[in-house]
All heavy atoms as atom14 arrays in JSON, in Angstrom:
{
  "sequence": "EANFIGCMAAINHSDVHFRYTGYTFGLRFCLNEIYRRDPCL",
  "atom14_mask": [
    [1, 1, 1, 1, 1, 1, 1, 1, 1, 0, 0, 0, 0, 0],
    [1, 1, 1, 1, 1, 0, 0, 0, 0, 0, 0, 0, 0, 0],
    [1, 1, 1, 1, 1, 1, 1, 1, 0, 0, 0, 0, 0, 0],
    [1, 1, 1, 1, 1, 1, 1, 1, 1, 1, 1, 0, 0, 0],
    [1, 1, 1, 1, 1, 1, 1, 1, 0, 0, 0, 0, 0, 0],
    [1, 1, 1, 1, 0, 0, 0, 0, 0, 0, 0, 0, 0, 0],
    [1, 1, 1, 1, 1, 1, 0, 0, 0, 0, 0, 0, 0, 0],
    [1, 1, 1, 1, 1, 1, 1, 1, 0, 0, 0, 0, 0, 0],
    [1, 1, 1, 1, 1, 0, 0, 0, 0, 0, 0, 0, 0, 0],
    [1, 1, 1, 1, 1, 0, 0, 0, 0, 0, 0, 0, 0, 0],
    [1, 1, 1, 1, 1, 1, 1, 1, 0, 0, 0, 0, 0, 0],
    [1, 1, 1, 1, 1, 1, 1, 1, 0, 0, 0, 0, 0, 0],
    [1, 1, 1, 1, 1, 1, 1, 1, 1, 1, 0, 0, 0, 0],
    [1, 1, 1, 1, 1, 1, 0, 0, 0, 0, 0, 0, 0, 0],
    [1, 1, 1, 1, 1, 1, 1, 1, 0, 0, 0, 0, 0, 0],
    [1, 1, 1, 1, 1, 1, 1, 0, 0, 0, 0, 0, 0, 0],
    [1, 1, 1, 1, 1, 1, 1, 1, 1, 1, 0, 0, 0, 0],
    [1, 1, 1, 1, 1, 1, 1, 1, 1, 1, 1, 0, 0, 0],
    [1, 1, 1, 1, 1, 1, 1, 1, 1, 1, 1, 0, 0, 0],
    [1, 1, 1, 1, 1, 1, 1, 1, 1, 1, 1, 1, 0, 0],
    [1, 1, 1, 1, 1, 1, 1, 0, 0, 0, 0, 0, 0, 0],
    [1, 1, 1, 1, 0, 0, 0, 0, 0, 0, 0, 0, 0, 0],
    [1, 1, 1, 1, 1, 1, 1, 1, 1, 1, 1, 1, 0, 0],
    [1, 1, 1, 1, 1, 1, 1, 0, 0, 0, 0, 0, 0, 0],
    [1, 1, 1, 1, 1, 1, 1, 1, 1, 1, 1, 0, 0, 0],
    [1, 1, 1, 1, 0, 0, 0, 0, 0, 0, 0, 0, 0, 0],
    [1, 1, 1, 1, 1, 1, 1, 1, 0, 0, 0, 0, 0, 0],
    [1, 1, 1, 1, 1, 1, 1, 1, 1, 1, 1, 0, 0, 0],
    [1, 1, 1, 1, 1, 1, 1, 1, 1, 1, 1, 0, 0, 0],
    [1, 1, 1, 1, 1, 1, 0, 0, 0, 0, 0, 0, 0, 0],
    [1, 1, 1, 1, 1, 1, 1, 1, 0, 0, 0, 0, 0, 0],
    [1, 1, 1, 1, 1, 1, 1, 1, 0, 0, 0, 0, 0, 0],
    [1, 1, 1, 1, 1, 1, 1, 1, 1, 0, 0, 0, 0, 0],
    [1, 1, 1, 1, 1, 1, 1, 1, 0, 0, 0, 0, 0, 0],
    [1, 1, 1, 1, 1, 1, 1, 1, 1, 1, 1, 1, 0, 0],
    [1, 1, 1, 1, 1, 1, 1, 1, 1, 1, 1, 0, 0, 0],
    [1, 1, 1, 1, 1, 1, 1, 1, 1, 1, 1, 0, 0, 0],
    [1, 1, 1, 1, 1, 1, 1, 1, 0, 0, 0, 0, 0, 0],
    [1, 1, 1, 1, 1, 1, 1, 0, 0, 0, 0, 0, 0, 0],
    [1, 1, 1, 1, 1, 1, 0, 0, 0, 0, 0, 0, 0, 0],
    [1, 1, 1, 1, 1, 1, 1, 1, 0, 0, 0, 0, 0, 0]
  ],
  "atom14_positions": [
    [[164.95, -47.21, -41.88], [164.28, -48.33, -42.55], [165.11, -49.61, -42.46], [164.57, -50.7, -42.27], [164.01, -47.95, -44.01], [163.02, -46.79, -44.16], [162.78, -46.37, -45.59], [163.37, -46.99, -46.5], [162.0, -45.43, -45.8], [0.0, 0.0, 0.0], [0.0, 0.0, 0.0], [0.0, 0.0, 0.0], [0.0, 0.0, 0.0], [0.0, 0.0, 0.0]],
    [[166.44, -49.48, -42.57], [167.31, -50.65, -42.43], [167.24, -51.19, -41.01], [167.29, -52.4, -40.79], [168.74, -50.3, -42.81], [0.0, 0.0, 0.0], [0.0, 0.0, 0.0], [0.0, 0.0, 0.0], [0.0, 0.0, 0.0], [0.0, 0.0, 0.0], [0.0, 0.0, 0.0], [0.0, 0.0, 0.0], [0.0, 0.0, 0.0], [0.0, 0.0, 0.0]],
    [[167.13, -50.3, -40.01], [166.96, -50.74, -38.63], [165.66, -51.5, -38.43], [165.62, -52.52, -37.77], [167.01, -49.53, -37.68], [168.43, -49.16, -37.27], [169.32, -50.0, -37.29], [168.63, -47.91, -36.93], [0.0, 0.0, 0.0], [0.0, 0.0, 0.0], [0.0, 0.0, 0.0], [0.0, 0.0, 0.0], [0.0, 0.0, 0.0], [0.0, 0.0, 0.0]],
    [[164.58, -50.97, -39.01], [163.27, -51.62, -38.88], [163.29, -52.99, -39.53], [162.84, -53.99, -38.93], [162.19, -50.74, -39.52], [160.83, -51.38, -39.56], [160.06, -51.48, -38.41], [160.32, -51.9, -40.74], [158.79, -52.08, -38.43], [159.07, -52.5, -40.79], [158.3, -52.59, -39.63], [0.0, 0.0, 0.0], [0.0, 0.0, 0.0], [0.0, 0.0, 0.0]],
    [[163.79, -53.07, -40.75], [163.81, -54.34, -41.47], [164.75, -55.33, -40.79], [164.44, -56.52, -40.65], [164.2, -54.14, -42.94], [163.11, -53.32, -43.65], [164.42, -55.46, -43.66], [163.5, -52.82, -45.02], [0.0, 0.0, 0.0], [0.0, 0.0, 0.0], [0.0, 0.0, 0.0], [0.0, 0.0, 0.0], [0.0, 0.0, 0.0], [0.0, 0.0, 0.0]],
    [[165.91, -54.85, -40.32], [166.83, -55.72, -39.59], [166.21, -56.26, -38.32], [166.38, -57.43, -37.97], [0.0, 0.0, 0.0], [0.0, 0.0, 0.0], [0.0, 0.0, 0.0], [0.0, 0.0, 0.0], [0.0, 0.0, 0.0], [0.0, 0.0, 0.0], [0.0, 0.0, 0.0], [0.0, 0.0, 0.0], [0.0, 0.0, 0.0], [0.0, 0.0, 0.0]],
    [[165.48, -55.4, -37.61], [164.78, -55.81, -36.4], [163.74, -56.88, -36.72], [163.64, -57.9, -36.05], [164.1, -54.59, -35.77], [163.16, -54.92, -34.26], [0.0, 0.0, 0.0], [0.0, 0.0, 0.0], [0.0, 0.0, 0.0], [0.0, 0.0, 0.0], [0.0, 0.0, 0.0], [0.0, 0.0, 0.0], [0.0, 0.0, 0.0], [0.0, 0.0, 0.0]],
    [[162.98, -56.66, -37.81], [161.94, -57.61, -38.21], [162.53, -58.95, -38.64], [161.98, -60.01, -38.35], [161.12, -57.02, -39.37], [160.27, -55.83, -38.98], [158.92, -56.27, -37.86], [157.89, -57.25, -38.97], [0.0, 0.0, 0.0], [0.0, 0.0, 0.0], [0.0, 0.0, 0.0], [0.0, 0.0, 0.0], [0.0, 0.0, 0.0], [0.0, 0.0, 0.0]],
    [[163.68, -58.92, -39.32], [164.32, -60.16, -39.75], [164.77, -60.97, -38.55], [164.64, -62.21, -38.53], [165.51, -59.84, -40.66], [0.0, 0.0, 0.0], [0.0, 0.0, 0.0], [0.0, 0.0, 0.0], [0.0, 0.0, 0.0], [0.0, 0.0, 0.0], [0.0, 0.0, 0.0], [0.0, 0.0, 0.0], [0.0, 0.0, 0.0], [0.0, 0.0, 0.0]],
    [[165.32, -60.3, -37.52], [165.76, -61.01, -36.31], [164.53, -61.54, -35.54], [164.56, -62.67, -35.05], [166.58, -60.06, -35.44], [0.0, 0.0, 0.0], [0.0, 0.0, 0.0], [0.0, 0.0, 0.0], [0.0, 0.0, 0.0], [0.0, 0.0, 0.0], [0.0, 0.0, 0.0], [0.0, 0.0, 0.0], [0.0, 0.0, 0.0], [0.0, 0.0, 0.0]],
    [[163.48, -60.74, -35.45], [162.27, -61.14, -34.73], [161.64, -62.38, -35.38], [161.09, -63.26, -34.69], [161.27, -59.98, -34.7], [161.68, -58.94, -33.66], [159.85, -60.46, -34.43], [160.85, -57.67, -33.68], [0.0, 0.0, 0.0], [0.0, 0.0, 0.0], [0.0, 0.0, 0.0], [0.0, 0.0, 0.0], [0.0, 0.0, 0.0], [0.0, 0.0, 0.0]],
    [[161.7, -62.47, -36.7], [161.08, -63.58, -37.41], [162.01, -64.79, -37.59], [161.64, -65.75, -38.28], [160.61, -63.1, -38.79], [159.32, -62.31, -38.71], [158.23, -62.88, -38.75], [159.42, -61.0, -38.56], [0.0, 0.0, 0.0], [0.0, 0.0, 0.0], [0.0, 0.0, 0.0], [0.0, 0.0, 0.0], [0.0, 0.0, 0.0], [0.0, 0.0, 0.0]],
    [[163.18, -64.76, -36.99], [164.11, -65.89, -37.07], [163.57, -67.07, -36.27], [162.88, -66.9, -35.26], [165.49, -65.47, -36.55], [166.61, -66.29, -37.1], [166.89, -67.57, -36.66], [167.54, -66.01, -38.07], [167.93, -68.03, -37.31], [168.35, -67.12, -38.18], [0.0, 0.0, 0.0], [0.0, 0.0, 0.0], [0.0, 0.0, 0.0], [0.0, 0.0, 0.0]],
    [[163.89, -68.27, -36.7], [163.43, -69.48, -35.99], [164.2, -69.74, -34.73], [163.74, -70.5, -33.86], [163.52, -70.69, -36.92], [164.84, -70.84, -37.41], [0.0, 0.0, 0.0], [0.0, 0.0, 0.0], [0.0, 0.0, 0.0], [0.0, 0.0, 0.0], [0.0, 0.0, 0.0], [0.0, 0.0, 0.0], [0.0, 0.0, 0.0], [0.0, 0.0, 0.0]],
    [[165.38, -69.12, -34.56], [166.22, -69.34, -33.38], [165.85, -68.35, -32.29], [165.76, -67.14, -32.54], [167.7, -69.19, -33.75], [168.62, -69.48, -32.59], [168.96, -70.65, -32.39], [168.97, -68.52, -31.87], [0.0, 0.0, 0.0], [0.0, 0.0, 0.0], [0.0, 0.0, 0.0], [0.0, 0.0, 0.0], [0.0, 0.0, 0.0], [0.0, 0.0, 0.0]],
    [[165.68, -68.84, -31.07], [165.23, -68.01, -29.96], [166.25, -66.94, -29.62], [165.88, -65.82, -29.22], [164.93, -68.88, -28.72], [166.2, -69.56, -28.19], [164.25, -68.06, -27.63], [0.0, 0.0, 0.0], [0.0, 0.0, 0.0], [0.0, 0.0, 0.0], [0.0, 0.0, 0.0], [0.0, 0.0, 0.0], [0.0, 0.0, 0.0], [0.0, 0.0, 0.0]],
    [[167.54, -67.2, -29.77], [168.56, -66.2, -29.47], [168.49, -65.03, -30.46], [168.66, -63.87, -30.07], [169.95, -66.83, -29.5], [170.16, -67.86, -28.44], [169.85, -69.19, -28.64], [170.64, -67.77, -27.18], [170.14, -69.88, -27.54], [170.62, -69.04, -26.64], [0.0, 0.0, 0.0], [0.0, 0.0, 0.0], [0.0, 0.0, 0.0], [0.0, 0.0, 0.0]],
    [[168.24, -65.33, -31.71], [168.09, -64.28, -32.71], [166.85, -63.45, -32.42], [166.88, -62.23, -32.54], [168.0, -64.88, -34.12], [169.33, -65.17, -34.75], [170.12, -66.22, -34.28], [169.81, -64.42, -35.81], [171.36, -66.5, -34.86], [171.04, -64.68, -36.39], [171.82, -65.73, -35.9], [0.0, 0.0, 0.0], [0.0, 0.0, 0.0], [0.0, 0.0, 0.0]],
    [[165.76, -64.13, -32.07], [164.53, -63.4, -31.75], [164.75, -62.49, -30.54], [164.25, -61.35, -30.51], [163.37, -64.37, -31.48], [162.94, -65.15, -32.7], [161.53, -65.71, -32.54], [161.39, -66.59, -31.4], [161.72, -67.89, -31.38], [162.2, -68.44, -32.49], [161.55, -68.6, -30.31], [0.0, 0.0, 0.0], [0.0, 0.0, 0.0], [0.0, 0.0, 0.0]],
    [[165.5, -62.96, -29.57], [165.81, -62.15, -28.39], [166.58, -60.88, -28.8], [166.24, -59.77, -28.34], [166.64, -62.97, -27.4], [167.21, -62.15, -26.26], [166.4, -61.76, -25.2], [168.55, -61.76, -26.26], [166.93, -60.97, -24.16], [169.08, -60.99, -25.23], [168.26, -60.6, -24.18], [168.78, -59.85, -23.16], [0.0, 0.0, 0.0], [0.0, 0.0, 0.0]],
    [[167.57, -61.03, -29.65], [168.34, -59.84, -30.07], [167.45, -58.88, -30.85], [167.63, -57.66, -30.74], [169.57, -60.22, -30.91], [169.14, -60.83, -32.14], [170.49, -61.16, -30.16], [0.0, 0.0, 0.0], [0.0, 0.0, 0.0], [0.0, 0.0, 0.0], [0.0, 0.0, 0.0], [0.0, 0.0, 0.0], [0.0, 0.0, 0.0], [0.0, 0.0, 0.0]],
    [[166.51, -59.41, -31.62], [165.61, -58.55, -32.4], [164.66, -57.75, -31.51], [164.51, -56.53, -31.69], [0.0, 0.0, 0.0], [0.0, 0.0, 0.0], [0.0, 0.0, 0.0], [0.0, 0.0, 0.0], [0.0, 0.0, 0.0], [0.0, 0.0, 0.0], [0.0, 0.0, 0.0], [0.0, 0.0, 0.0], [0.0, 0.0, 0.0], [0.0, 0.0, 0.0]],
    [[164.01, -58.43, -30.56], [163.07, -57.74, -29.69], [163.78, -56.73, -28.78], [163.27, -55.61, -28.57], [162.29, -58.74, -28.86], [161.14, -59.38, -29.61], [161.18, -60.72, -30.0], [160.01, -58.63, -29.97], [160.14, -61.31, -30.7], [158.95, -59.21, -30.67], [159.02, -60.55, -31.04], [158.01, -61.12, -31.76], [0.0, 0.0, 0.0], [0.0, 0.0, 0.0]],
    [[164.92, -57.1, -28.24], [165.64, -56.16, -27.36], [166.25, -55.0, -28.15], [166.43, -53.91, -27.61], [166.73, -56.88, -26.55], [167.62, -57.61, -27.45], [166.12, -57.85, -25.55], [0.0, 0.0, 0.0], [0.0, 0.0, 0.0], [0.0, 0.0, 0.0], [0.0, 0.0, 0.0], [0.0, 0.0, 0.0], [0.0, 0.0, 0.0], [0.0, 0.0, 0.0]],
    [[166.54, -55.24, -29.42], [167.0, -54.17, -30.33], [165.91, -53.13, -30.48], [166.12, -51.93, -30.32], [167.37, -54.79, -31.67], [167.87, -53.82, -32.7], [169.06, -53.17, -32.55], [167.15, -53.61, -33.88], [169.55, -52.28, -33.51], [167.61, -52.74, -34.85], [168.81, -52.08, -34.68], [0.0, 0.0, 0.0], [0.0, 0.0, 0.0], [0.0, 0.0, 0.0]],
    [[164.68, -53.59, -30.79], [163.54, -52.67, -30.92], [163.22, -51.99, -29.59], [162.91, -50.8, -29.56], [0.0, 0.0, 0.0], [0.0, 0.0, 0.0], [0.0, 0.0, 0.0], [0.0, 0.0, 0.0], [0.0, 0.0, 0.0], [0.0, 0.0, 0.0], [0.0, 0.0, 0.0], [0.0, 0.0, 0.0], [0.0, 0.0, 0.0], [0.0, 0.0, 0.0]],
    [[163.31, -52.75, -28.5], [163.01, -52.2, -27.18], [163.96, -51.06, -26.83], [163.54, -50.05, -26.27], [163.1, -53.31, -26.13], [162.98, -52.87, -24.67], [161.64, -52.19, -24.41], [163.17, -54.06, -23.73], [0.0, 0.0, 0.0], [0.0, 0.0, 0.0], [0.0, 0.0, 0.0], [0.0, 0.0, 0.0], [0.0, 0.0, 0.0], [0.0, 0.0, 0.0]],
    [[165.23, -51.22, -27.13], [166.21, -50.19, -26.8], [165.86, -48.87, -27.49], [165.96, -47.8, -26.88], [167.62, -50.63, -27.2], [168.69, -49.62, -26.86], [170.08, -50.19, -27.11], [170.28, -50.55, -28.5], [170.65, -49.71, -29.47], [170.85, -48.44, -29.19], [170.83, -50.14, -30.71], [0.0, 0.0, 0.0], [0.0, 0.0, 0.0], [0.0, 0.0, 0.0]],
    [[165.47, -48.92, -28.76], [165.1, -47.7, -29.46], [163.88, -47.05, -28.83], [163.81, -45.83, -28.66], [164.81, -47.99, -30.94], [166.05, -48.09, -31.79], [166.44, -49.3, -32.33], [166.81, -46.97, -32.05], [167.57, -49.39, -33.11], [167.95, -47.05, -32.83], [168.33, -48.27, -33.37], [0.0, 0.0, 0.0], [0.0, 0.0, 0.0], [0.0, 0.0, 0.0]],
    [[162.89, -47.88, -28.44], [161.67, -47.36, -27.83], [161.98, -46.72, -26.47], [161.46, -45.63, -26.15], [160.63, -48.47, -27.67], [159.95, -49.06, -29.22], [0.0, 0.0, 0.0], [0.0, 0.0, 0.0], [0.0, 0.0, 0.0], [0.0, 0.0, 0.0], [0.0, 0.0, 0.0], [0.0, 0.0, 0.0], [0.0, 0.0, 0.0], [0.0, 0.0, 0.0]],
    [[162.8, -47.38, -25.67], [163.15, -46.84, -24.36], [163.91, -45.52, -24.49], [163.69, -44.58, -23.72], [163.98, -47.85, -23.56], [163.23, -49.06, -23.01], [164.22, -50.06, -22.42], [162.22, -48.63, -21.95], [0.0, 0.0, 0.0], [0.0, 0.0, 0.0], [0.0, 0.0, 0.0], [0.0, 0.0, 0.0], [0.0, 0.0, 0.0], [0.0, 0.0, 0.0]],
    [[164.82, -45.45, -25.46], [165.57, -44.21, -25.67], [164.65, -43.06, -26.02], [164.83, -41.92, -25.56], [166.61, -44.39, -26.78], [167.79, -45.24, -26.33], [168.01, -45.45, -25.13], [168.56, -45.76, -27.28], [0.0, 0.0, 0.0], [0.0, 0.0, 0.0], [0.0, 0.0, 0.0], [0.0, 0.0, 0.0], [0.0, 0.0, 0.0], [0.0, 0.0, 0.0]],
    [[163.65, -43.34, -26.85], [162.71, -42.29, -27.24], [161.8, -41.9, -26.08], [161.47, -40.72, -25.9], [161.87, -42.74, -28.44], [160.91, -41.7, -28.97], [161.57, -40.43, -29.48], [162.79, -40.45, -29.78], [160.87, -39.39, -29.58], [0.0, 0.0, 0.0], [0.0, 0.0, 0.0], [0.0, 0.0, 0.0], [0.0, 0.0, 0.0], [0.0, 0.0, 0.0]],
    [[161.4, -42.89, -25.27], [160.62, -42.58, -24.07], [161.4, -41.67, -23.14], [160.88, -40.68, -22.61], [160.25, -43.89, -23.32], [159.15, -44.67, -24.08], [159.8, -43.59, -21.89], [157.75, -44.19, -23.86], [0.0, 0.0, 0.0], [0.0, 0.0, 0.0], [0.0, 0.0, 0.0], [0.0, 0.0, 0.0], [0.0, 0.0, 0.0], [0.0, 0.0, 0.0]],
    [[162.68, -41.96, -22.95], [163.53, -41.15, -22.08], [163.64, -39.72, -22.59], [163.61, -38.76, -21.81], [164.92, -41.77, -21.97], [165.85, -40.99, -21.08], [165.79, -41.13, -19.7], [166.8, -40.13, -21.62], [166.63, -40.4, -18.87], [167.65, -39.4, -20.8], [167.56, -39.54, -19.42], [168.39, -38.82, -18.6], [0.0, 0.0, 0.0], [0.0, 0.0, 0.0]],
    [[163.73, -39.58, -23.91], [163.84, -38.24, -24.5], [162.56, -37.45, -24.28], [162.61, -36.23, -24.03], [164.13, -38.35, -25.99], [164.51, -37.05, -26.66], [164.68, -37.24, -28.17], [163.4, -37.47, -28.82], [162.55, -36.5, -29.17], [162.83, -35.24, -28.89], [161.41, -36.79, -29.78], [0.0, 0.0, 0.0], [0.0, 0.0, 0.0], [0.0, 0.0, 0.0]],
    [[161.42, -38.13, -24.32], [160.13, -37.44, -24.22], [159.67, -37.25, -22.77], [159.09, -36.23, -22.42], [159.05, -38.22, -24.99], [159.24, -38.25, -26.49], [158.06, -38.89, -27.16], [158.15, -38.85, -28.62], [157.11, -38.91, -29.44], [155.88, -39.05, -28.94], [157.28, -38.86, -30.75], [0.0, 0.0, 0.0], [0.0, 0.0, 0.0], [0.0, 0.0, 0.0]],
    [[159.87, -38.31, -21.94], [159.31, -38.29, -20.59], [160.19, -39.12, -19.67], [159.96, -40.33, -19.51], [157.87, -38.84, -20.62], [157.15, -38.65, -19.29], [157.82, -38.49, -18.26], [155.9, -38.68, -19.3], [0.0, 0.0, 0.0], [0.0, 0.0, 0.0], [0.0, 0.0, 0.0], [0.0, 0.0, 0.0], [0.0, 0.0, 0.0], [0.0, 0.0, 0.0]],
    [[161.22, -38.54, -19.05], [162.13, -39.29, -18.18], [161.44, -40.04, -17.05], [161.88, -41.12, -16.66], [163.08, -38.21, -17.65], [163.04, -37.14, -18.68], [161.64, -37.12, -19.18], [0.0, 0.0, 0.0], [0.0, 0.0, 0.0], [0.0, 0.0, 0.0], [0.0, 0.0, 0.0], [0.0, 0.0, 0.0], [0.0, 0.0, 0.0], [0.0, 0.0, 0.0]],
    [[160.38, -39.47, -16.49], [159.66, -40.16, -15.41], [158.98, -41.41, -15.91], [159.01, -42.47, -15.25], [158.62, -39.21, -14.78], [159.35, -37.82, -13.9], [0.0, 0.0, 0.0], [0.0, 0.0, 0.0], [0.0, 0.0, 0.0], [0.0, 0.0, 0.0], [0.0, 0.0, 0.0], [0.0, 0.0, 0.0], [0.0, 0.0, 0.0], [0.0, 0.0, 0.0]],
    [[158.36, -41.35, -17.07], [157.73, -42.52, -17.68], [158.8, -43.58, -17.99], [158.57, -44.78, -17.82], [156.97, -42.14, -18.93], [156.29, -43.26, -19.72], [155.3, -44.02, -18.85], [155.61, -42.72, -20.97], [0.0, 0.0, 0.0], [0.0, 0.0, 0.0], [0.0, 0.0, 0.0], [0.0, 0.0, 0.0], [0.0, 0.0, 0.0], [0.0, 0.0, 0.0]]
  ]
}
């Protein structure tokens, strides 16, 4: 939950660099889970 809220706080920041860290933070978790479930995907 802290990861989700932290990600959302960065995504909603007015600074583009903060938003970048937020979206890539969420993306990394999603990619890791994709790899665990389906390495080809």
